[in-house]
Amino acid sequence: MCRNITTLRGLDPAATTEEIEAAARQYVRKVTGVQSVSDATRAPFESAVAEIAAITTRLLAELPERRQPPPTVPPLRRPEVRARMALKNLKTP
């Protein structure tokens, strides 16, 4: 269902809070169909993201270690994504 969500278990170093939140946000976008958050959807959307991120953090901590790292690199670890984020942060006052 969510092809864009990459595997976070088994990363070295471990998945960051930012990566877990990004995956939770992608999941909530996918299941709700909400792509841009409005005032009417903001509170329930952000609440769902926070809950799913917390559950994911707990799940990753409780699962045993993977024998091999995941086959794909999470988006927030890709150089092109990091470059776009850095550029965006420079433009933000």
PDB file of N, CA and C in Angstrom:
ATOM      1  N   MET A   1       0.820  -1.191   0.000  1.00  0.00           N
ATOM      2  CA  MET A   1       0.000   0.000   0.000  1.00  0.00           C
ATOM      3  C   MET A   1       0.864   1.256   0.000  1.00  0.00           C
ATOM      4  N   CYS A   2       1.829   1.373   0.895  1.00  0.00           N
ATOM      5  CA  CYS A   2       2.640   2.578   1.003  1.00  0.00           C
ATOM      6  C   CYS A   2       4.026   2.321   0.445  1.00  0.00           C
ATOM      7  N   ARG A   3       4.159   2.335  -0.838  1.00  0.00           N
ATOM      8  CA  ARG A   3       5.440   2.025  -1.470  1.00  0.00           C
ATOM      9  C   ARG A   3       6.531   3.023  -1.122  1.00  0.00           C
ATOM     10  N   ASN A   4       6.158   4.259  -0.796  1.00  0.00           N
ATOM     11  CA  ASN A   4       7.154   5.286  -0.532  1.00  0.00           C
ATOM     12  C   ASN A   4       7.721   5.241   0.877  1.00  0.00           C
ATOM     13  N   ILE A   5       7.165   4.427   1.732  1.00  0.00           N
ATOM     14  CA  ILE A   5       7.679   4.327   3.094  1.00  0.00           C
ATOM     15  C   ILE A   5       8.773   3.265   3.097  1.00  0.00           C
ATOM     16  N   THR A   6       9.976   3.671   3.466  1.00  0.00           N
ATOM     17  CA  THR A   6      11.096   2.738   3.468  1.00  0.00           C
ATOM     18  C   THR A   6      11.209   2.035   4.813  1.00  0.00           C
ATOM     19  N   THR A   7      11.911   0.929   4.816  1.00  0.00           N
ATOM     20  CA  THR A   7      12.123   0.158   6.026  1.00  0.00           C
ATOM     21  C   THR A   7      13.072   0.919   6.947  1.00  0.00           C
ATOM     22  N   LEU A   8      12.674   1.084   8.195  1.00  0.00           N
ATOM     23  CA  LEU A   8      13.494   1.801   9.162  1.00  0.00           C
ATOM     24  C   LEU A   8      14.223   0.852  10.111  1.00  0.00           C
ATOM     25  N   ARG A   9      13.752  -0.355  10.219  1.00  0.00           N
ATOM     26  CA  ARG A   9      14.376  -1.328  11.114  1.00  0.00           C
ATOM     27  C   ARG A   9      15.704  -1.800  10.524  1.00  0.00           C
ATOM     28  N   GLY A  10      16.730  -1.788  11.342  1.00  0.00           N
ATOM     29  CA  GLY A  10      18.020  -2.295  10.907  1.00  0.00           C
ATOM     30  C   GLY A  10      18.957  -1.256  10.334  1.00  0.00           C
ATOM     31  N   LEU A  11      18.577   0.013  10.395  1.00  0.00           N
ATOM     32  CA  LEU A  11      19.455   1.063   9.884  1.00  0.00           C
ATOM     33  C   LEU A  11      20.651   1.242  10.820  1.00  0.00           C
ATOM     34  N   ASP A  12      21.771   1.647  10.244  1.00  0.00           N
ATOM     35  CA  ASP A  12      22.953   1.932  11.035  1.00  0.00           C
ATOM     36  C   ASP A  12      23.494   3.280  10.598  1.00  0.00           C
ATOM     37  N   PRO A  13      23.390   4.318  11.403  1.00  0.00           N
ATOM     38  CA  PRO A  13      22.826   4.346  12.740  1.00  0.00           C
ATOM     39  C   PRO A  13      21.306   4.173  12.707  1.00  0.00           C
ATOM     40  N   ALA A  14      20.739   3.918  13.873  1.00  0.00           N
ATOM     41  CA  ALA A  14      19.301   3.659  13.995  1.00  0.00           C
ATOM     42  C   ALA A  14      18.481   4.821  13.444  1.00  0.00           C
ATOM     43  N   ALA A  15      17.240   4.510  13.088  1.00  0.00           N
ATOM     44  CA  ALA A  15      16.330   5.529  12.560  1.00  0.00           C
ATOM     45  C   ALA A  15      16.196   6.682  13.544  1.00  0.00           C
ATOM     46  N   THR A  16      16.210   7.885  12.996  1.00  0.00           N
ATOM     47  CA  THR A  16      16.082   9.081  13.828  1.00  0.00           C
ATOM     48  C   THR A  16      14.610   9.399  14.064  1.00  0.00           C
ATOM     49  N   THR A  17      14.358  10.264  15.015  1.00  0.00           N
ATOM     50  CA  THR A  17      13.000  10.732  15.286  1.00  0.00           C
ATOM     51  C   THR A  17      12.414  11.380  14.037  1.00  0.00           C
ATOM     52  N   GLU A  18      13.243  12.132  13.330  1.00  0.00           N
ATOM     53  CA  GLU A  18      12.817  12.812  12.101  1.00  0.00           C
ATOM     54  C   GLU A  18      12.397  11.800  11.026  1.00  0.00           C
ATOM     55  N   GLU A  19      13.163  10.721  10.877  1.00  0.00           N
ATOM     56  CA  GLU A  19      12.836   9.689   9.886  1.00  0.00           C
ATOM     57  C   GLU A  19      11.556   8.949  10.260  1.00  0.00           C
ATOM     58  N   ILE A  20      11.389   8.672  11.537  1.00  0.00           N
ATOM     59  CA  ILE A  20      10.184   7.979  11.991  1.00  0.00           C
ATOM     60  C   ILE A  20       8.965   8.868  11.790  1.00  0.00           C
ATOM     61  N   GLU A  21       9.087  10.143  12.100  1.00  0.00           N
ATOM     62  CA  GLU A  21       7.969  11.068  11.896  1.00  0.00           C
ATOM     63  C   GLU A  21       7.633  11.214  10.417  1.00  0.00           C
ATOM     64  N   ALA A  22       8.640  11.261   9.560  1.00  0.00           N
ATOM     65  CA  ALA A  22       8.391  11.366   8.118  1.00  0.00           C
ATOM     66  C   ALA A  22       7.637  10.143   7.606  1.00  0.00           C
ATOM     67  N   ALA A  23       8.001   8.963   8.090  1.00  0.00           N
ATOM     68  CA  ALA A  23       7.300   7.743   7.685  1.00  0.00           C
ATOM     69  C   ALA A  23       5.862   7.758   8.199  1.00  0.00           C
ATOM     70  N   ALA A  24       5.668   8.217   9.432  1.00  0.00           N
ATOM     71  CA  ALA A  24       4.317   8.303  10.004  1.00  0.00           C
ATOM     72  C   ALA A  24       3.464   9.290   9.206  1.00  0.00           C
ATOM     73  N   ARG A  25       4.067  10.420   8.845  1.00  0.00           N
ATOM     74  CA  ARG A  25       3.347  11.440   8.058  1.00  0.00           C
ATOM     75  C   ARG A  25       2.948  10.881   6.683  1.00  0.00           C
ATOM     76  N   GLN A  26       3.852  10.149   6.045  1.00  0.00           N
ATOM     77  CA  GLN A  26       3.547   9.552   4.749  1.00  0.00           C
ATOM     78  C   GLN A  26       2.412   8.543   4.874  1.00  0.00           C
ATOM     79  N   TYR A  27       2.449   7.737   5.925  1.00  0.00           N
ATOM     80  CA  TYR A  27       1.399   6.746   6.161  1.00  0.00           C
ATOM     81  C   TYR A  27       0.042   7.443   6.349  1.00  0.00           C
ATOM     82  N   VAL A  28       0.006   8.468   7.185  1.00  0.00           N
ATOM     83  CA  VAL A  28      -1.264   9.168   7.438  1.00  0.00           C
ATOM     84  C   VAL A  28      -1.757   9.834   6.155  1.00  0.00           C
ATOM     85  N   ARG A  29      -0.875  10.418   5.378  1.00  0.00           N
ATOM     86  CA  ARG A  29      -1.285  11.002   4.090  1.00  0.00           C
ATOM     87  C   ARG A  29      -1.914   9.948   3.187  1.00  0.00           C
ATOM     88  N   LYS A  30      -1.284   8.791   3.134  1.00  0.00           N
ATOM     89  CA  LYS A  30      -1.744   7.728   2.246  1.00  0.00           C
ATOM     90  C   LYS A  30      -3.126   7.219   2.659  1.00  0.00           C
ATOM     91  N   VAL A  31      -3.298   6.899   3.941  1.00  0.00           N
ATOM     92  CA  VAL A  31      -4.572   6.295   4.360  1.00  0.00           C
ATOM     93  C   VAL A  31      -5.715   7.297   4.409  1.00  0.00           C
ATOM     94  N   THR A  32      -5.409   8.601   4.575  1.00  0.00           N
ATOM     95  CA  THR A  32      -6.479   9.589   4.638  1.00  0.00           C
ATOM     96  C   THR A  32      -6.749  10.279   3.307  1.00  0.00           C
ATOM     97  N   GLY A  33      -5.762  10.265   2.431  1.00  0.00           N
ATOM     98  CA  GLY A  33      -5.908  10.987   1.174  1.00  0.00           C
ATOM     99  C   GLY A  33      -5.676  12.478   1.332  1.00  0.00           C
ATOM    100  N   VAL A  34      -5.240  12.901   2.518  1.00  0.00           N
ATOM    101  CA  VAL A  34      -4.968  14.318   2.775  1.00  0.00           C
ATOM    102  C   VAL A  34      -3.537  14.606   2.361  1.00  0.00           C
ATOM    103  N   GLN A  35      -3.367  15.427   1.327  1.00  0.00           N
ATOM    104  CA  GLN A  35      -2.026  15.756   0.859  1.00  0.00           C
ATOM    105  C   GLN A  35      -1.554  17.111   1.385  1.00  0.00           C
ATOM    106  N   SER A  36      -2.484  18.054   1.508  1.00  0.00           N
ATOM    107  CA  SER A  36      -2.126  19.337   2.121  1.00  0.00           C
ATOM    108  C   SER A  36      -3.088  19.562   3.283  1.00  0.00           C
ATOM    109  N   VAL A  37      -2.511  19.824   4.429  1.00  0.00           N
ATOM    110  CA  VAL A  37      -3.278  19.939   5.665  1.00  0.00           C
ATOM    111  C   VAL A  37      -3.942  21.313   5.719  1.00  0.00           C
ATOM    112  N   SER A  38      -5.240  21.313   5.986  1.00  0.00           N
ATOM    113  CA  SER A  38      -5.986  22.565   6.135  1.00  0.00           C
ATOM    114  C   SER A  38      -6.270  22.783   7.621  1.00  0.00           C
ATOM    115  N   ASP A  39      -6.866  23.910   7.956  1.00  0.00           N
ATOM    116  CA  ASP A  39      -7.223  24.170   9.351  1.00  0.00           C
ATOM    117  C   ASP A  39      -8.198  23.109   9.871  1.00  0.00           C
ATOM    118  N   ALA A  40      -9.061  22.610   8.992  1.00  0.00           N
ATOM    119  CA  ALA A  40     -10.056  21.607   9.391  1.00  0.00           C
ATOM    120  C   ALA A  40      -9.434  20.235   9.648  1.00  0.00           C
ATOM    121  N   THR A  41      -8.317  19.946   8.989  1.00  0.00           N
ATOM    122  CA  THR A  41      -7.709  18.622   9.133  1.00  0.00           C
ATOM    123  C   THR A  41      -6.439  18.619   9.987  1.00  0.00           C
ATOM    124  N   ARG A  42      -5.923  19.796  10.326  1.00  0.00           N
ATOM    125  CA  ARG A  42      -4.628  19.889  11.011  1.00  0.00           C
ATOM    126  C   ARG A  42      -4.571  19.130  12.327  1.00  0.00           C
ATOM    127  N   ALA A  43      -5.497  19.365  13.231  1.00  0.00           N
ATOM    128  CA  ALA A  43      -5.439  18.742  14.563  1.00  0.00           C
ATOM    129  C   ALA A  43      -5.515  17.215  14.495  1.00  0.00           C
ATOM    130  N   PRO A  44      -6.527  16.646  13.810  1.00  0.00           N
ATOM    131  CA  PRO A  44      -6.563  15.177  13.772  1.00  0.00           C
ATOM    132  C   PRO A  44      -5.392  14.581  12.988  1.00  0.00           C
ATOM    133  N   PHE A  45      -4.939  15.258  11.952  1.00  0.00           N
ATOM    134  CA  PHE A  45      -3.815  14.776  11.147  1.00  0.00           C
ATOM    135  C   PHE A  45      -2.546  14.731  11.990  1.00  0.00           C
ATOM    136  N   GLU A  46      -2.219  15.824  12.659  1.00  0.00           N
ATOM    137  CA  GLU A  46      -0.996  15.893  13.474  1.00  0.00           C
ATOM    138  C   GLU A  46      -1.071  14.945  14.664  1.00  0.00           C
ATOM    139  N   SER A  47      -2.248  14.783  15.232  1.00  0.00           N
ATOM    140  CA  SER A  47      -2.428  13.833  16.338  1.00  0.00           C
ATOM    141  C   SER A  47      -2.140  12.409  15.869  1.00  0.00           C
ATOM    142  N   ALA A  48      -2.655  12.055  14.701  1.00  0.00           N
ATOM    143  CA  ALA A  48      -2.417  10.716  14.148  1.00  0.00           C
ATOM    144  C   ALA A  48      -0.936  10.509  13.855  1.00  0.00           C
ATOM    145  N   VAL A  49      -0.273  11.515  13.294  1.00  0.00           N
ATOM    146  CA  VAL A  49       1.155  11.408  13.006  1.00  0.00           C
ATOM    147  C   VAL A  49       1.927  11.166  14.305  1.00  0.00           C
ATOM    148  N   ALA A  50       1.620  11.922  15.345  1.00  0.00           N
ATOM    149  CA  ALA A  50       2.317  11.776  16.632  1.00  0.00           C
ATOM    150  C   ALA A  50       2.099  10.388  17.228  1.00  0.00           C
ATOM    151  N   GLU A  51       0.861   9.904  17.186  1.00  0.00           N
ATOM    152  CA  GLU A  51       0.569   8.575  17.742  1.00  0.00           C
ATOM    153  C   GLU A  51       1.279   7.473  16.962  1.00  0.00           C
ATOM    154  N   ILE A  52       1.244   7.557  15.652  1.00  0.00           N
ATOM    155  CA  ILE A  52       1.883   6.524  14.822  1.00  0.00           C
ATOM    156  C   ILE A  52       3.401   6.577  14.983  1.00  0.00           C
ATOM    157  N   ALA A  53       3.972   7.763  15.097  1.00  0.00           N
ATOM    158  CA  ALA A  53       5.412   7.894  15.312  1.00  0.00           C
ATOM    159  C   ALA A  53       5.804   7.273  16.658  1.00  0.00           C
ATOM    160  N   ALA A  54       5.008   7.500  17.692  1.00  0.00           N
ATOM    161  CA  ALA A  54       5.296   6.923  19.012  1.00  0.00           C
ATOM    162  C   ALA A  54       5.208   5.397  18.974  1.00  0.00           C
ATOM    163  N   ILE A  55       4.183   4.886  18.330  1.00  0.00           N
ATOM    164  CA  ILE A  55       4.017   3.431  18.209  1.00  0.00           C
ATOM    165  C   ILE A  55       5.180   2.836  17.417  1.00  0.00           C
ATOM    166  N   THR A  56       5.570   3.505  16.334  1.00  0.00           N
ATOM    167  CA  THR A  56       6.671   3.019  15.501  1.00  0.00           C
ATOM    168  C   THR A  56       7.982   3.010  16.285  1.00  0.00           C
ATOM    169  N   THR A  57       8.229   4.052  17.058  1.00  0.00           N
ATOM    170  CA  THR A  57       9.437   4.122  17.877  1.00  0.00           C
ATOM    171  C   THR A  57       9.485   2.961  18.857  1.00  0.00           C
ATOM    172  N   ARG A  58       8.365   2.714  19.520  1.00  0.00           N
ATOM    173  CA  ARG A  58       8.290   1.602  20.479  1.00  0.00           C
ATOM    174  C   ARG A  58       8.474   0.264  19.774  1.00  0.00           C
ATOM    175  N   LEU A  59       7.840   0.086  18.633  1.00  0.00           N
ATOM    176  CA  LEU A  59       7.944  -1.160  17.876  1.00  0.00           C
ATOM    177  C   LEU A  59       9.381  -1.427  17.452  1.00  0.00           C
ATOM    178  N   LEU A  60      10.052  -0.414  16.913  1.00  0.00           N
ATOM    179  CA  LEU A  60      11.437  -0.594  16.471  1.00  0.00           C
ATOM    180  C   LEU A  60      12.347  -0.952  17.648  1.00  0.00           C
ATOM    181  N   ALA A  61      12.075  -0.383  18.815  1.00  0.00           N
ATOM    182  CA  ALA A  61      12.887  -0.680  20.005  1.00  0.00           C
ATOM    183  C   ALA A  61      12.662  -2.109  20.501  1.00  0.00           C
ATOM    184  N   GLU A  62      11.450  -2.629  20.315  1.00  0.00           N
ATOM    185  CA  GLU A  62      11.113  -3.951  20.838  1.00  0.00           C
ATOM    186  C   GLU A  62      11.464  -5.098  19.898  1.00  0.00           C
ATOM    187  N   LEU A  63      11.602  -4.829  18.610  1.00  0.00           N
ATOM    188  CA  LEU A  63      11.912  -5.895  17.658  1.00  0.00           C
ATOM    189  C   LEU A  63      13.377  -6.309  17.764  1.00  0.00           C
ATOM    190  N   PRO A  64      13.676  -7.568  17.469  1.00  0.00           N
ATOM    191  CA  PRO A  64      15.081  -7.991  17.476  1.00  0.00           C
ATOM    192  C   PRO A  64      15.832  -7.345  16.314  1.00  0.00           C
ATOM    193  N   GLU A  65      17.155  -7.327  16.430  1.00  0.00           N
ATOM    194  CA  GLU A  65      17.995  -6.762  15.378  1.00  0.00           C
ATOM    195  C   GLU A  65      17.796  -7.521  14.066  1.00  0.00           C
ATOM    196  N   ARG A  66      17.956  -6.808  12.961  1.00  0.00           N
ATOM    197  CA  ARG A  66      17.915  -7.447  11.637  1.00  0.00           C
ATOM    198  C   ARG A  66      19.263  -8.073  11.350  1.00  0.00           C
ATOM    199  N   ARG A  67      19.268  -9.127  10.581  1.00  0.00           N
ATOM    200  CA  ARG A  67      20.525  -9.766  10.194  1.00  0.00           C
ATOM    201  C   ARG A  67      21.224  -8.988   9.091  1.00  0.00           C
ATOM    202  N   GLN A  68      20.438  -8.325   8.248  1.00  0.00           N
ATOM    203  CA  GLN A  68      20.983  -7.521   7.157  1.00  0.00           C
ATOM    204  C   GLN A  68      20.307  -6.162   7.178  1.00  0.00           C
ATOM    205  N   PRO A  69      21.002  -5.140   6.720  1.00  0.00           N
ATOM    206  CA  PRO A  69      20.358  -3.818   6.652  1.00  0.00           C
ATOM    207  C   PRO A  69      19.257  -3.815   5.595  1.00  0.00           C
ATOM    208  N   PRO A  70      18.331  -2.874   5.680  1.00  0.00           N
ATOM    209  CA  PRO A  70      17.279  -2.802   4.665  1.00  0.00           C
ATOM    210  C   PRO A  70      17.876  -2.531   3.284  1.00  0.00           C
ATOM    211  N   PRO A  71      17.175  -2.956   2.221  1.00  0.00           N
ATOM    212  CA  PRO A  71      17.710  -2.821   0.863  1.00  0.00           C
ATOM    213  C   PRO A  71      17.706  -1.398   0.316  1.00  0.00           C
ATOM    214  N   THR A  72      16.925  -0.511   0.928  1.00  0.00           N
ATOM    215  CA  THR A  72      16.858   0.862   0.423  1.00  0.00           C
ATOM    216  C   THR A  72      17.290   1.846   1.495  1.00  0.00           C
ATOM    217  N   VAL A  73      17.725   3.010   1.052  1.00  0.00           N
ATOM    218  CA  VAL A  73      18.132   4.083   1.958  1.00  0.00           C
ATOM    219  C   VAL A  73      16.923   4.986   2.182  1.00  0.00           C
ATOM    220  N   PRO A  74      16.588   5.296   3.439  1.00  0.00           N
ATOM    221  CA  PRO A  74      15.459   6.194   3.686  1.00  0.00           C
ATOM    222  C   PRO A  74      15.674   7.541   3.012  1.00  0.00           C
ATOM    223  N   PRO A  75      14.607   8.178   2.566  1.00  0.00           N
ATOM    224  CA  PRO A  75      14.725   9.447   1.842  1.00  0.00           C
ATOM    225  C   PRO A  75      15.543  10.507   2.579  1.00  0.00           C
ATOM    226  N   LEU A  76      15.371  10.629   3.889  1.00  0.00           N
ATOM    227  CA  LEU A  76      16.076  11.684   4.611  1.00  0.00           C
ATOM    228  C   LEU A  76      17.582  11.447   4.697  1.00  0.00           C
ATOM    229  N   ARG A  77      18.045  10.267   4.268  1.00  0.00           N
ATOM    230  CA  ARG A  77      19.484   9.985   4.237  1.00  0.00           C
ATOM    231  C   ARG A  77      20.063  10.107   2.831  1.00  0.00           C
ATOM    232  N   ARG A  78      19.221  10.402   1.860  1.00  0.00           N
ATOM    233  CA  ARG A  78      19.693  10.525   0.476  1.00  0.00           C
ATOM    234  C   ARG A  78      20.257  11.926   0.244  1.00  0.00           C
ATOM    235  N   PRO A  79      21.414  12.016  -0.399  1.00  0.00           N
ATOM    236  CA  PRO A  79      22.061  13.328  -0.604  1.00  0.00           C
ATOM    237  C   PRO A  79      21.174  14.349  -1.309  1.00  0.00           C
ATOM    238  N   GLU A  80      20.427  13.917  -2.311  1.00  0.00           N
ATOM    239  CA  GLU A  80      19.596  14.876  -3.063  1.00  0.00           C
ATOM    240  C   GLU A  80      18.464  15.440  -2.210  1.00  0.00           C
ATOM    241  N   VAL A  81      17.930  14.636  -1.308  1.00  0.00           N
ATOM    242  CA  VAL A  81      16.860  15.109  -0.411  1.00  0.00           C
ATOM    243  C   VAL A  81      17.451  16.068   0.614  1.00  0.00           C
ATOM    244  N   ARG A  82      18.614  15.721   1.159  1.00  0.00           N
ATOM    245  CA  ARG A  82      19.265  16.581   2.142  1.00  0.00           C
ATOM    246  C   ARG A  82      19.626  17.937   1.522  1.00  0.00           C
ATOM    247  N   ALA A  83      20.044  17.922   0.260  1.00  0.00           N
ATOM    248  CA  ALA A  83      20.381  19.171  -0.425  1.00  0.00           C
ATOM    249  C   ALA A  83      19.140  20.045  -0.591  1.00  0.00           C
ATOM    250  N   ARG A  84      18.025  19.432  -0.981  1.00  0.00           N
ATOM    251  CA  ARG A  84      16.773  20.190  -1.122  1.00  0.00           C
ATOM    252  C   ARG A  84      16.331  20.770   0.213  1.00  0.00           C
ATOM    253  N   MET A  85      16.457  19.973   1.291  1.00  0.00           N
ATOM    254  CA  MET A  85      16.059  20.448   2.617  1.00  0.00           C
ATOM    255  C   MET A  85      16.940  21.615   3.057  1.00  0.00           C
ATOM    256  N   ALA A  86      18.235  21.520   2.799  1.00  0.00           N
ATOM    257  CA  ALA A  86      19.164  22.585   3.174  1.00  0.00           C
ATOM    258  C   ALA A  86      18.829  23.872   2.411  1.00  0.00           C
ATOM    259  N   LEU A  87      18.535  23.737   1.134  1.00  0.00           N
ATOM    260  CA  LEU A  87      18.170  24.891   0.315  1.00  0.00           C
ATOM    261  C   LEU A  87      16.865  25.507   0.813  1.00  0.00           C
ATOM    262  N   LYS A  88      15.919  24.682   1.146  1.00  0.00           N
ATOM    263  CA  LYS A  88      14.637  25.161   1.659  1.00  0.00           C
ATOM    264  C   LYS A  88      14.832  25.901   2.987  1.00  0.00           C
ATOM    265  N   ASN A  89      15.693  25.365   3.857  1.00  0.00           N
ATOM    266  CA  ASN A  89      15.958  26.006   5.152  1.00  0.00           C
ATOM    267  C   ASN A  89      16.666  27.346   4.988  1.00  0.00           C
ATOM    268  N   LEU A  90      17.490  27.487   3.954  1.00  0.00           N
ATOM    269  CA  LEU A  90      18.145  28.763   3.698  1.00  0.00           C
ATOM    270  C   LEU A  90      17.160  29.839   3.260  1.00  0.00           C
ATOM    271  N   LYS A  91      16.128  29.424   2.535  1.00  0.00           N
ATOM    272  CA  LYS A  91      15.128  30.370   2.026  1.00  0.00           C
ATOM    273  C   LYS A  91      14.123  30.778   3.088  1.00  0.00           C
ATOM    274  N   THR A  92      13.960  29.959   4.124  1.00  0.00           N
ATOM    275  CA  THR A  92      12.995  30.241   5.176  1.00  0.00           C
ATOM    276  C   THR A  92      13.574  31.295   6.114  1.00  0.00           C
ATOM    277  N   PRO A  93      12.834  32.431   6.307  1.00  0.00           N
ATOM    278  CA  PRO A  93      13.353  33.501   7.171  1.00  0.00           C
ATOM    279  C   PRO A  93      13.337  33.131   8.631  1.00  0.00           C
TER     280      PRO A  93
END
